[in-house]
Amino acid sequence: MGRFNVNNQYKAIVIGGSAGSFQGITRILSSIPEDFTLPIIMCLHRLKHVRNGFVEALSIKSINAVKEPYDKEPVKKKNVYLAPANYHLSVELGHTFSLSTEEMVNNSRPSIDITLETAAYVYRNKLIGILLSGANRDGAMGMKRIKDRGGLTIVQDPAECMIETMPAAALKLTEIDYTLKVDEIISFLLELDKCYKS
């Protein structure tokens, strides 16, 4: 038995992060196997006017290709997705992505809350939400929505974060299942993946 209460009921993982999260996300992406079972949907705050370089920087570190989904693209297993710069990324009921340029939420587009909340609505108790380092409260409400709908919630340990505001806000708003350092998040994901392959 591992240290985490994992099972193979889950259908997707969403990860949010902002300032200080790049190092953590690249460590995660470089540690999970190429055939990692579940789709990973990432919403990371980035400079809206810098369209190139960010995906490439993540892909260099990642074992799996990182792709920005197009509007109405289906969510598929064994894929790593990243919200495009200056677009909100939602998950729709048919397990497809939706892109929009609606008003900023929490001064952000893409908004982590939008990605997490729409994914929670679609996947309900079959979703895992992970929130990393960040400088604002974006993502806190999204984590609450995941928890309210029966999903599993993880935040990066604020003591390890470069900027703790984002995970600390989530911890204040809802009862988070696990508060973990990045290495522990990696262990969780590897343990989870084994459930699907055993």
N, C-alpha and C. Protein backbone atom coordinates (compact mmCIF):
# COMPACT_ATOMS: atom_id res chain seq x y z
N MET A 1 0.84 -1.21 0.00
CA MET A 1 0.00 0.00 0.00
C MET A 1 0.87 1.26 0.00
N GLY A 2 0.53 2.22 -0.85
CA GLY A 2 1.23 3.49 -0.83
C GLY A 2 0.66 4.39 0.25
N ARG A 3 1.19 5.57 0.32
CA ARG A 3 0.74 6.49 1.37
C ARG A 3 -0.54 7.23 0.99
N PHE A 4 -0.92 7.16 -0.28
CA PHE A 4 -2.09 7.90 -0.72
C PHE A 4 -3.27 6.96 -0.97
N ASN A 5 -4.45 7.47 -0.72
CA ASN A 5 -5.66 6.70 -0.95
C ASN A 5 -6.09 6.90 -2.40
N VAL A 6 -5.40 6.21 -3.31
CA VAL A 6 -5.67 6.39 -4.74
C VAL A 6 -6.45 5.20 -5.29
N ASN A 7 -7.20 5.46 -6.33
CA ASN A 7 -7.90 4.39 -7.04
C ASN A 7 -8.05 4.80 -8.50
N ASN A 8 -8.63 3.91 -9.29
CA ASN A 8 -8.70 4.19 -10.73
C ASN A 8 -10.07 4.71 -11.16
N GLN A 9 -10.74 5.44 -10.27
CA GLN A 9 -12.04 6.03 -10.63
C GLN A 9 -11.88 7.33 -11.41
N TYR A 10 -10.69 7.94 -11.37
CA TYR A 10 -10.53 9.29 -11.90
C TYR A 10 -10.39 9.29 -13.42
N LYS A 11 -10.86 10.39 -14.01
CA LYS A 11 -10.88 10.51 -15.47
C LYS A 11 -9.99 11.64 -15.99
N ALA A 12 -9.62 12.60 -15.13
CA ALA A 12 -8.81 13.73 -15.58
C ALA A 12 -8.14 14.41 -14.39
N ILE A 13 -7.07 15.15 -14.70
CA ILE A 13 -6.35 15.94 -13.71
C ILE A 13 -6.27 17.38 -14.24
N VAL A 14 -6.59 18.35 -13.38
CA VAL A 14 -6.41 19.75 -13.74
C VAL A 14 -5.37 20.36 -12.80
N ILE A 15 -4.49 21.15 -13.37
CA ILE A 15 -3.42 21.80 -12.60
C ILE A 15 -3.45 23.29 -12.85
N GLY A 16 -3.49 24.07 -11.77
CA GLY A 16 -3.42 25.53 -11.88
C GLY A 16 -2.15 26.04 -11.23
N GLY A 17 -1.62 27.11 -11.78
CA GLY A 17 -0.43 27.72 -11.20
C GLY A 17 -0.19 29.10 -11.76
N SER A 18 0.56 29.89 -11.01
CA SER A 18 0.87 31.25 -11.45
C SER A 18 2.32 31.53 -11.10
N ALA A 19 2.58 32.69 -10.52
CA ALA A 19 3.95 33.09 -10.22
C ALA A 19 4.63 32.05 -9.33
N GLY A 20 5.80 31.61 -9.75
CA GLY A 20 6.57 30.65 -8.98
C GLY A 20 6.23 29.20 -9.25
N SER A 21 5.30 28.94 -10.17
CA SER A 21 4.86 27.55 -10.40
C SER A 21 5.63 26.85 -11.52
N PHE A 22 6.39 27.61 -12.32
CA PHE A 22 7.01 27.01 -13.50
C PHE A 22 7.97 25.88 -13.12
N GLN A 23 8.78 26.12 -12.09
CA GLN A 23 9.74 25.09 -11.68
C GLN A 23 9.01 23.82 -11.22
N GLY A 24 7.95 24.02 -10.44
CA GLY A 24 7.19 22.86 -9.96
C GLY A 24 6.54 22.09 -11.08
N ILE A 25 5.92 22.81 -12.02
CA ILE A 25 5.22 22.13 -13.11
C ILE A 25 6.20 21.40 -14.02
N THR A 26 7.37 21.97 -14.25
CA THR A 26 8.35 21.28 -15.10
C THR A 26 8.90 20.04 -14.40
N ARG A 27 9.04 20.09 -13.09
CA ARG A 27 9.48 18.90 -12.35
C ARG A 27 8.43 17.80 -12.43
N ILE A 28 7.17 18.19 -12.34
CA ILE A 28 6.09 17.20 -12.46
C ILE A 28 6.09 16.59 -13.86
N LEU A 29 6.14 17.43 -14.88
CA LEU A 29 6.07 16.95 -16.26
C LEU A 29 7.27 16.10 -16.64
N SER A 30 8.42 16.36 -16.02
CA SER A 30 9.61 15.58 -16.34
C SER A 30 9.67 14.27 -15.57
N SER A 31 8.73 14.07 -14.64
CA SER A 31 8.76 12.88 -13.77
C SER A 31 7.69 11.85 -14.09
N ILE A 32 6.62 12.27 -14.75
CA ILE A 32 5.56 11.31 -15.05
C ILE A 32 5.89 10.58 -16.35
N PRO A 33 5.50 9.31 -16.45
CA PRO A 33 5.90 8.51 -17.62
C PRO A 33 5.21 8.95 -18.90
N GLU A 34 5.80 8.52 -20.00
CA GLU A 34 5.29 8.91 -21.32
C GLU A 34 3.88 8.38 -21.55
N ASP A 35 3.57 7.22 -20.97
CA ASP A 35 2.24 6.64 -21.16
C ASP A 35 1.33 6.89 -19.96
N PHE A 36 1.55 8.03 -19.28
CA PHE A 36 0.70 8.39 -18.14
C PHE A 36 -0.76 8.38 -18.59
N THR A 37 -1.59 7.68 -17.84
CA THR A 37 -2.93 7.31 -18.33
C THR A 37 -3.88 8.49 -18.49
N LEU A 38 -3.99 9.33 -17.47
CA LEU A 38 -5.04 10.35 -17.47
C LEU A 38 -4.64 11.60 -18.24
N PRO A 39 -5.62 12.27 -18.85
CA PRO A 39 -5.30 13.58 -19.44
C PRO A 39 -4.98 14.59 -18.34
N ILE A 40 -4.01 15.44 -18.60
CA ILE A 40 -3.63 16.51 -17.68
C ILE A 40 -3.96 17.84 -18.37
N ILE A 41 -4.79 18.64 -17.70
CA ILE A 41 -5.22 19.93 -18.25
C ILE A 41 -4.63 21.02 -17.38
N MET A 42 -3.74 21.82 -17.95
CA MET A 42 -3.04 22.85 -17.18
C MET A 42 -3.54 24.24 -17.53
N CYS A 43 -3.79 25.03 -16.51
CA CYS A 43 -4.09 26.45 -16.69
C CYS A 43 -3.05 27.22 -15.88
N LEU A 44 -2.12 27.84 -16.58
CA LEU A 44 -1.02 28.55 -15.93
C LEU A 44 -1.06 30.01 -16.38
N HIS A 45 -0.97 30.92 -15.44
CA HIS A 45 -0.91 32.34 -15.81
C HIS A 45 0.37 32.59 -16.59
N ARG A 46 0.24 33.34 -17.67
CA ARG A 46 1.38 33.66 -18.51
C ARG A 46 1.18 35.03 -19.12
N LEU A 47 2.24 35.60 -19.65
CA LEU A 47 2.14 36.91 -20.26
C LEU A 47 1.31 36.82 -21.54
N LYS A 48 0.23 37.60 -21.59
CA LYS A 48 -0.72 37.45 -22.70
C LYS A 48 -0.14 37.83 -24.05
N HIS A 49 0.87 38.70 -24.06
CA HIS A 49 1.41 39.14 -25.34
C HIS A 49 2.56 38.25 -25.81
N VAL A 50 2.96 37.27 -25.00
CA VAL A 50 4.03 36.36 -25.40
C VAL A 50 3.38 35.04 -25.81
N ARG A 51 3.20 34.85 -27.10
CA ARG A 51 2.47 33.68 -27.58
C ARG A 51 3.40 32.48 -27.81
N ASN A 52 4.66 32.74 -28.05
CA ASN A 52 5.58 31.65 -28.37
C ASN A 52 6.59 31.46 -27.25
N GLY A 53 7.06 30.24 -27.14
CA GLY A 53 8.14 29.96 -26.20
C GLY A 53 7.70 29.22 -24.95
N PHE A 54 6.51 29.52 -24.45
CA PHE A 54 6.08 28.92 -23.18
C PHE A 54 5.80 27.42 -23.34
N VAL A 55 5.04 27.07 -24.37
CA VAL A 55 4.76 25.65 -24.63
C VAL A 55 6.06 24.92 -24.91
N GLU A 56 6.93 25.57 -25.68
CA GLU A 56 8.20 24.94 -26.03
C GLU A 56 9.05 24.73 -24.78
N ALA A 57 9.05 25.71 -23.87
CA ALA A 57 9.83 25.59 -22.63
C ALA A 57 9.32 24.44 -21.77
N LEU A 58 7.99 24.29 -21.71
CA LEU A 58 7.42 23.17 -20.97
C LEU A 58 7.71 21.85 -21.67
N SER A 59 7.60 21.83 -22.99
CA SER A 59 7.80 20.58 -23.74
C SER A 59 9.23 20.08 -23.63
N ILE A 60 10.19 21.00 -23.54
CA ILE A 60 11.59 20.60 -23.39
C ILE A 60 11.78 19.78 -22.12
N LYS A 61 11.08 20.19 -21.07
CA LYS A 61 11.20 19.50 -19.77
C LYS A 61 10.30 18.28 -19.67
N SER A 62 9.23 18.26 -20.44
CA SER A 62 8.21 17.23 -20.29
C SER A 62 8.55 15.98 -21.10
N ILE A 63 8.26 14.82 -20.52
CA ILE A 63 8.41 13.57 -21.26
C ILE A 63 7.31 13.47 -22.31
N ASN A 64 6.15 14.02 -21.98
CA ASN A 64 5.01 14.00 -22.90
C ASN A 64 4.90 15.34 -23.63
N ALA A 65 4.42 15.30 -24.86
CA ALA A 65 4.22 16.54 -25.61
C ALA A 65 3.16 17.39 -24.92
N VAL A 66 3.40 18.70 -24.87
CA VAL A 66 2.43 19.64 -24.31
C VAL A 66 1.75 20.36 -25.46
N LYS A 67 0.43 20.37 -25.47
CA LYS A 67 -0.27 20.99 -26.59
C LYS A 67 -1.31 21.99 -26.09
N GLU A 68 -1.50 23.04 -26.85
CA GLU A 68 -2.58 23.99 -26.60
C GLU A 68 -3.79 23.50 -27.39
N PRO A 69 -4.90 23.17 -26.72
CA PRO A 69 -6.04 22.63 -27.45
C PRO A 69 -6.73 23.70 -28.29
N TYR A 70 -7.36 23.26 -29.35
CA TYR A 70 -8.18 24.16 -30.16
C TYR A 70 -9.63 24.06 -29.68
N ASP A 71 -10.44 25.02 -30.05
CA ASP A 71 -11.84 25.05 -29.65
C ASP A 71 -12.56 23.80 -30.15
N LYS A 72 -13.31 23.16 -29.26
CA LYS A 72 -14.11 21.94 -29.54
C LYS A 72 -13.24 20.69 -29.67
N GLU A 73 -11.95 20.78 -29.38
CA GLU A 73 -11.10 19.58 -29.41
C GLU A 73 -11.50 18.64 -28.28
N PRO A 74 -11.62 17.32 -28.56
CA PRO A 74 -11.97 16.39 -27.48
C PRO A 74 -10.80 16.19 -26.50
N VAL A 75 -11.15 16.00 -25.23
CA VAL A 75 -10.15 15.68 -24.20
C VAL A 75 -9.84 14.20 -24.33
N LYS A 76 -8.57 13.87 -24.50
CA LYS A 76 -8.18 12.47 -24.68
C LYS A 76 -7.17 12.05 -23.63
N LYS A 77 -7.22 10.77 -23.29
CA LYS A 77 -6.25 10.19 -22.36
C LYS A 77 -4.83 10.37 -22.89
N LYS A 78 -3.88 10.31 -21.98
CA LYS A 78 -2.45 10.32 -22.31
C LYS A 78 -2.02 11.58 -23.04
N ASN A 79 -2.74 12.69 -22.80
CA ASN A 79 -2.37 13.97 -23.39
C ASN A 79 -2.17 15.00 -22.29
N VAL A 80 -1.26 15.96 -22.55
CA VAL A 80 -1.02 17.08 -21.64
C VAL A 80 -1.42 18.35 -22.36
N TYR A 81 -2.39 19.08 -21.80
CA TYR A 81 -2.94 20.27 -22.44
C TYR A 81 -2.59 21.51 -21.63
N LEU A 82 -2.42 22.63 -22.33
CA LEU A 82 -2.13 23.91 -21.69
C LEU A 82 -3.06 24.98 -22.24
N ALA A 83 -3.71 25.72 -21.34
CA ALA A 83 -4.57 26.82 -21.77
C ALA A 83 -3.76 27.81 -22.60
N PRO A 84 -4.23 28.17 -23.80
CA PRO A 84 -3.50 29.12 -24.63
C PRO A 84 -3.44 30.51 -24.00
N ALA A 85 -2.43 31.26 -24.37
CA ALA A 85 -2.27 32.62 -23.87
C ALA A 85 -3.48 33.47 -24.23
N ASN A 86 -3.99 34.21 -23.23
CA ASN A 86 -5.07 35.19 -23.43
C ASN A 86 -6.42 34.56 -23.80
N TYR A 87 -6.60 33.27 -23.52
CA TYR A 87 -7.89 32.61 -23.72
C TYR A 87 -8.30 31.90 -22.43
N HIS A 88 -9.59 32.01 -22.07
CA HIS A 88 -10.12 31.14 -21.02
C HIS A 88 -10.30 29.75 -21.62
N LEU A 89 -9.94 28.74 -20.84
CA LEU A 89 -10.08 27.35 -21.28
C LEU A 89 -11.12 26.66 -20.40
N SER A 90 -12.21 26.22 -21.02
CA SER A 90 -13.28 25.50 -20.31
C SER A 90 -13.35 24.08 -20.81
N VAL A 91 -13.91 23.21 -19.96
CA VAL A 91 -14.23 21.85 -20.38
C VAL A 91 -15.75 21.76 -20.48
N GLU A 92 -16.24 21.25 -21.61
CA GLU A 92 -17.68 21.17 -21.84
C GLU A 92 -18.19 19.74 -21.62
N LEU A 93 -19.52 19.60 -21.53
CA LEU A 93 -20.13 18.34 -21.13
C LEU A 93 -19.80 17.16 -22.04
N GLY A 94 -19.52 17.40 -23.28
CA GLY A 94 -19.14 16.30 -24.17
C GLY A 94 -17.67 15.94 -24.08
N HIS A 95 -17.01 16.39 -23.00
CA HIS A 95 -15.56 16.19 -22.82
C HIS A 95 -14.77 16.80 -23.97
N THR A 96 -15.16 18.04 -24.30
CA THR A 96 -14.41 18.81 -25.29
C THR A 96 -13.98 20.13 -24.65
N PHE A 97 -12.99 20.76 -25.26
CA PHE A 97 -12.52 22.06 -24.78
C PHE A 97 -13.29 23.19 -25.45
N SER A 98 -13.39 24.30 -24.72
CA SER A 98 -13.97 25.52 -25.27
C SER A 98 -13.03 26.67 -24.95
N LEU A 99 -12.74 27.50 -25.94
CA LEU A 99 -11.88 28.66 -25.75
C LEU A 99 -12.72 29.93 -25.85
N SER A 100 -12.43 30.91 -25.01
CA SER A 100 -13.15 32.19 -25.11
C SER A 100 -12.23 33.34 -24.72
N THR A 101 -12.61 34.53 -25.20
CA THR A 101 -11.86 35.75 -24.86
C THR A 101 -12.75 36.67 -24.04
N GLU A 102 -13.62 36.08 -23.22
CA GLU A 102 -14.48 36.88 -22.35
C GLU A 102 -13.65 37.65 -21.33
N GLU A 103 -14.31 38.51 -20.57
CA GLU A 103 -13.61 39.36 -19.60
C GLU A 103 -12.71 38.56 -18.67
N MET A 104 -11.65 39.23 -18.21
CA MET A 104 -10.75 38.58 -17.26
C MET A 104 -11.49 38.21 -15.97
N VAL A 105 -11.05 37.15 -15.34
CA VAL A 105 -11.55 36.73 -14.04
C VAL A 105 -10.36 36.71 -13.10
N ASN A 106 -10.49 37.36 -11.93
CA ASN A 106 -9.35 37.50 -11.02
C ASN A 106 -8.15 38.16 -11.73
N ASN A 107 -8.47 39.12 -12.59
CA ASN A 107 -7.43 39.82 -13.37
C ASN A 107 -6.63 38.88 -14.26
N SER A 108 -7.23 37.77 -14.63
CA SER A 108 -6.48 36.76 -15.38
C SER A 108 -7.29 36.22 -16.55
N ARG A 109 -6.61 35.99 -17.65
CA ARG A 109 -7.14 35.25 -18.79
C ARG A 109 -5.95 34.55 -19.44
N PRO A 110 -5.81 33.25 -19.29
CA PRO A 110 -6.80 32.32 -18.79
C PRO A 110 -6.99 32.40 -17.27
N SER A 111 -8.22 32.13 -16.86
CA SER A 111 -8.54 32.07 -15.43
C SER A 111 -8.49 30.62 -14.96
N ILE A 112 -7.73 30.37 -13.90
CA ILE A 112 -7.66 29.03 -13.33
C ILE A 112 -9.03 28.61 -12.80
N ASP A 113 -9.75 29.54 -12.17
CA ASP A 113 -11.08 29.22 -11.65
C ASP A 113 -11.99 28.68 -12.75
N ILE A 114 -11.98 29.32 -13.91
CA ILE A 114 -12.86 28.87 -15.00
C ILE A 114 -12.51 27.45 -15.42
N THR A 115 -11.23 27.17 -15.61
CA THR A 115 -10.83 25.82 -16.01
C THR A 115 -11.20 24.79 -14.96
N LEU A 116 -10.91 25.09 -13.69
CA LEU A 116 -11.21 24.14 -12.61
C LEU A 116 -12.71 23.95 -12.41
N GLU A 117 -13.46 25.06 -12.44
CA GLU A 117 -14.90 24.96 -12.18
C GLU A 117 -15.62 24.21 -13.30
N THR A 118 -15.26 24.47 -14.54
CA THR A 118 -15.94 23.76 -15.64
C THR A 118 -15.54 22.29 -15.66
N ALA A 119 -14.29 22.00 -15.35
CA ALA A 119 -13.86 20.59 -15.27
C ALA A 119 -14.59 19.88 -14.13
N ALA A 120 -14.78 20.57 -13.00
CA ALA A 120 -15.50 19.99 -11.87
C ALA A 120 -16.94 19.68 -12.25
N TYR A 121 -17.55 20.56 -13.02
CA TYR A 121 -18.94 20.36 -13.45
C TYR A 121 -19.06 19.13 -14.33
N VAL A 122 -18.07 18.91 -15.20
CA VAL A 122 -18.11 17.80 -16.14
C VAL A 122 -17.70 16.48 -15.49
N TYR A 123 -16.60 16.49 -14.75
CA TYR A 123 -16.03 15.23 -14.24
C TYR A 123 -16.51 14.87 -12.84
N ARG A 124 -17.08 15.82 -12.11
CA ARG A 124 -17.63 15.59 -10.78
C ARG A 124 -16.61 14.89 -9.87
N ASN A 125 -16.94 13.71 -9.35
CA ASN A 125 -16.05 13.02 -8.41
C ASN A 125 -14.93 12.25 -9.09
N LYS A 126 -14.82 12.42 -10.39
CA LYS A 126 -13.77 11.73 -11.14
C LYS A 126 -12.64 12.68 -11.56
N LEU A 127 -12.53 13.81 -10.84
CA LEU A 127 -11.53 14.82 -11.16
C LEU A 127 -10.55 15.01 -10.01
N ILE A 128 -9.29 15.22 -10.37
CA ILE A 128 -8.26 15.59 -9.40
C ILE A 128 -7.81 17.00 -9.72
N GLY A 129 -7.86 17.90 -8.74
CA GLY A 129 -7.39 19.27 -8.91
C GLY A 129 -6.11 19.51 -8.13
N ILE A 130 -5.14 20.13 -8.78
CA ILE A 130 -3.86 20.44 -8.15
C ILE A 130 -3.58 21.94 -8.33
N LEU A 131 -3.28 22.63 -7.24
CA LEU A 131 -3.00 24.06 -7.30
C LEU A 131 -1.61 24.33 -6.77
N LEU A 132 -0.81 25.02 -7.59
CA LEU A 132 0.59 25.29 -7.25
C LEU A 132 0.78 26.75 -6.85
N SER A 133 2.02 27.13 -6.68
CA SER A 133 2.42 28.49 -6.28
C SER A 133 1.76 29.56 -7.15
N GLY A 134 1.41 30.69 -6.53
CA GLY A 134 0.81 31.78 -7.29
C GLY A 134 0.58 33.01 -6.43
N ALA A 135 0.44 34.17 -7.11
CA ALA A 135 0.42 35.45 -6.39
C ALA A 135 -0.97 36.04 -6.22
N ASN A 136 -2.02 35.35 -6.72
CA ASN A 136 -3.36 35.87 -6.44
C ASN A 136 -4.28 34.73 -6.03
N ARG A 137 -5.57 35.03 -5.89
CA ARG A 137 -6.51 34.03 -5.36
C ARG A 137 -7.17 33.19 -6.45
N ASP A 138 -6.78 33.39 -7.69
CA ASP A 138 -7.35 32.61 -8.79
C ASP A 138 -7.09 31.12 -8.53
N GLY A 139 -8.14 30.31 -8.63
CA GLY A 139 -8.00 28.88 -8.39
C GLY A 139 -8.62 28.42 -7.08
N ALA A 140 -8.73 29.33 -6.10
CA ALA A 140 -9.28 28.94 -4.80
C ALA A 140 -10.74 28.50 -4.93
N MET A 141 -11.56 29.29 -5.64
CA MET A 141 -12.96 28.92 -5.83
C MET A 141 -13.09 27.66 -6.68
N GLY A 142 -12.21 27.53 -7.66
CA GLY A 142 -12.22 26.33 -8.50
C GLY A 142 -11.94 25.07 -7.69
N MET A 143 -11.01 25.16 -6.75
CA MET A 143 -10.71 24.01 -5.88
C MET A 143 -11.90 23.69 -4.99
N LYS A 144 -12.60 24.72 -4.53
CA LYS A 144 -13.80 24.49 -3.72
C LYS A 144 -14.87 23.77 -4.54
N ARG A 145 -15.02 24.16 -5.79
CA ARG A 145 -16.00 23.51 -6.66
C ARG A 145 -15.64 22.02 -6.86
N ILE A 146 -14.36 21.75 -7.06
CA ILE A 146 -13.94 20.35 -7.23
C ILE A 146 -14.28 19.56 -5.98
N LYS A 147 -13.95 20.12 -4.82
CA LYS A 147 -14.22 19.45 -3.54
C LYS A 147 -15.73 19.25 -3.35
N ASP A 148 -16.52 20.29 -3.64
CA ASP A 148 -17.97 20.22 -3.45
C ASP A 148 -18.60 19.14 -4.33
N ARG A 149 -18.01 18.87 -5.48
CA ARG A 149 -18.58 17.88 -6.40
C ARG A 149 -17.94 16.51 -6.23
N GLY A 150 -17.16 16.34 -5.16
CA GLY A 150 -16.65 15.02 -4.82
C GLY A 150 -15.29 14.67 -5.38
N GLY A 151 -14.64 15.63 -6.04
CA GLY A 151 -13.31 15.37 -6.58
C GLY A 151 -12.23 15.42 -5.50
N LEU A 152 -11.01 15.11 -5.91
CA LEU A 152 -9.86 15.09 -4.99
C LEU A 152 -9.06 16.38 -5.18
N THR A 153 -8.66 17.01 -4.07
CA THR A 153 -7.96 18.30 -4.14
C THR A 153 -6.59 18.22 -3.50
N ILE A 154 -5.61 18.83 -4.17
CA ILE A 154 -4.23 18.87 -3.70
C ILE A 154 -3.70 20.28 -3.90
N VAL A 155 -3.06 20.84 -2.88
CA VAL A 155 -2.34 22.11 -3.07
C VAL A 155 -0.87 21.91 -2.72
N GLN A 156 -0.03 22.67 -3.40
CA GLN A 156 1.39 22.69 -3.05
C GLN A 156 1.54 23.30 -1.66
N ASP A 157 2.37 22.70 -0.86
CA ASP A 157 2.62 23.18 0.50
C ASP A 157 3.05 24.65 0.44
N PRO A 158 2.28 25.56 1.06
CA PRO A 158 2.65 26.98 1.01
C PRO A 158 4.07 27.25 1.48
N ALA A 159 4.57 26.44 2.39
CA ALA A 159 5.94 26.63 2.90
C ALA A 159 6.99 26.41 1.82
N GLU A 160 6.64 25.64 0.79
CA GLU A 160 7.58 25.36 -0.30
C GLU A 160 7.42 26.35 -1.46
N CYS A 161 6.25 27.01 -1.53
CA CYS A 161 5.94 27.88 -2.67
C CYS A 161 6.83 29.11 -2.70
N MET A 162 7.15 29.53 -3.92
CA MET A 162 7.84 30.81 -4.09
C MET A 162 6.90 31.94 -3.65
N ILE A 163 5.62 31.81 -4.02
CA ILE A 163 4.58 32.76 -3.57
C ILE A 163 3.38 31.93 -3.12
N GLU A 164 3.02 32.04 -1.84
CA GLU A 164 2.06 31.12 -1.24
C GLU A 164 0.60 31.56 -1.37
N THR A 165 0.34 32.74 -1.92
CA THR A 165 -1.01 33.30 -1.90
C THR A 165 -2.06 32.36 -2.46
N MET A 166 -1.77 31.74 -3.58
CA MET A 166 -2.77 30.93 -4.28
C MET A 166 -3.15 29.67 -3.49
N PRO A 167 -2.20 28.81 -3.12
CA PRO A 167 -2.59 27.64 -2.33
C PRO A 167 -3.14 28.01 -0.95
N ALA A 168 -2.61 29.08 -0.35
CA ALA A 168 -3.11 29.51 0.97
C ALA A 168 -4.57 29.93 0.88
N ALA A 169 -4.95 30.61 -0.22
CA ALA A 169 -6.34 31.03 -0.41
C ALA A 169 -7.26 29.81 -0.54
N ALA A 170 -6.80 28.79 -1.24
CA ALA A 170 -7.60 27.57 -1.38
C ALA A 170 -7.77 26.87 -0.04
N LEU A 171 -6.71 26.83 0.75
CA LEU A 171 -6.77 26.19 2.07
C LEU A 171 -7.74 26.90 3.00
N LYS A 172 -7.85 28.22 2.85
CA LYS A 172 -8.78 28.99 3.68
C LYS A 172 -10.23 28.76 3.25
N LEU A 173 -10.43 28.52 1.96
CA LEU A 173 -11.78 28.47 1.42
C LEU A 173 -12.44 27.10 1.55
N THR A 174 -11.64 26.04 1.52
CA THR A 174 -12.23 24.70 1.54
C THR A 174 -11.29 23.72 2.21
N GLU A 175 -11.81 22.55 2.53
CA GLU A 175 -11.00 21.51 3.16
C GLU A 175 -10.27 20.72 2.08
N ILE A 176 -9.00 21.02 1.91
CA ILE A 176 -8.20 20.39 0.86
C ILE A 176 -7.76 18.99 1.34
N ASP A 177 -7.77 18.02 0.41
CA ASP A 177 -7.44 16.64 0.78
C ASP A 177 -5.97 16.46 1.14
N TYR A 178 -5.09 17.02 0.31
CA TYR A 178 -3.65 16.85 0.55
C TYR A 178 -2.92 18.18 0.36
N THR A 179 -2.04 18.50 1.30
CA THR A 179 -1.11 19.62 1.15
C THR A 179 0.28 19.01 1.02
N LEU A 180 0.87 19.13 -0.17
CA LEU A 180 2.07 18.35 -0.49
C LEU A 180 3.16 19.21 -1.10
N LYS A 181 4.40 18.82 -0.89
CA LYS A 181 5.52 19.38 -1.63
C LYS A 181 5.51 18.78 -3.04
N VAL A 182 6.22 19.43 -3.96
CA VAL A 182 6.19 18.98 -5.36
C VAL A 182 6.62 17.52 -5.49
N ASP A 183 7.66 17.12 -4.76
CA ASP A 183 8.12 15.72 -4.84
C ASP A 183 7.02 14.76 -4.39
N GLU A 184 6.22 15.18 -3.42
CA GLU A 184 5.12 14.34 -2.95
C GLU A 184 3.98 14.30 -3.97
N ILE A 185 3.76 15.42 -4.66
CA ILE A 185 2.75 15.44 -5.73
C ILE A 185 3.17 14.45 -6.82
N ILE A 186 4.44 14.44 -7.15
CA ILE A 186 4.96 13.50 -8.15
C ILE A 186 4.74 12.06 -7.68
N SER A 187 5.03 11.78 -6.41
CA SER A 187 4.82 10.43 -5.87
C SER A 187 3.35 10.04 -5.96
N PHE A 188 2.47 10.99 -5.65
CA PHE A 188 1.03 10.75 -5.75
C PHE A 188 0.65 10.37 -7.19
N LEU A 189 1.12 11.14 -8.16
CA LEU A 189 0.76 10.90 -9.55
C LEU A 189 1.30 9.56 -10.05
N LEU A 190 2.51 9.20 -9.63
CA LEU A 190 3.08 7.91 -10.03
C LEU A 190 2.31 6.76 -9.41
N GLU A 191 1.92 6.91 -8.16
CA GLU A 191 1.13 5.90 -7.47
C GLU A 191 -0.24 5.76 -8.14
N LEU A 192 -0.83 6.89 -8.49
CA LEU A 192 -2.11 6.89 -9.19
C LEU A 192 -2.01 6.17 -10.51
N ASP A 193 -0.97 6.45 -11.28
CA ASP A 193 -0.81 5.84 -12.60
C ASP A 193 -0.69 4.32 -12.49
N LYS A 194 -0.03 3.86 -11.44
CA LYS A 194 0.13 2.40 -11.24
C LYS A 194 -1.23 1.71 -11.08
N CYS A 195 -2.19 2.43 -10.48
CA CYS A 195 -3.54 1.86 -10.29
C CYS A 195 -4.17 1.48 -11.63
N TYR A 196 -3.89 2.28 -12.65
CA TYR A 196 -4.51 2.05 -13.95
C TYR A 196 -3.78 0.98 -14.75
N LYS A 197 -2.55 0.69 -14.34
CA LYS A 197 -1.73 -0.24 -15.12
C LYS A 197 -1.57 -1.59 -14.43
N SER A 198 -2.11 -1.69 -13.20
CA SER A 198 -1.96 -2.96 -12.47
C SER A 198 -3.13 -3.90 -12.78
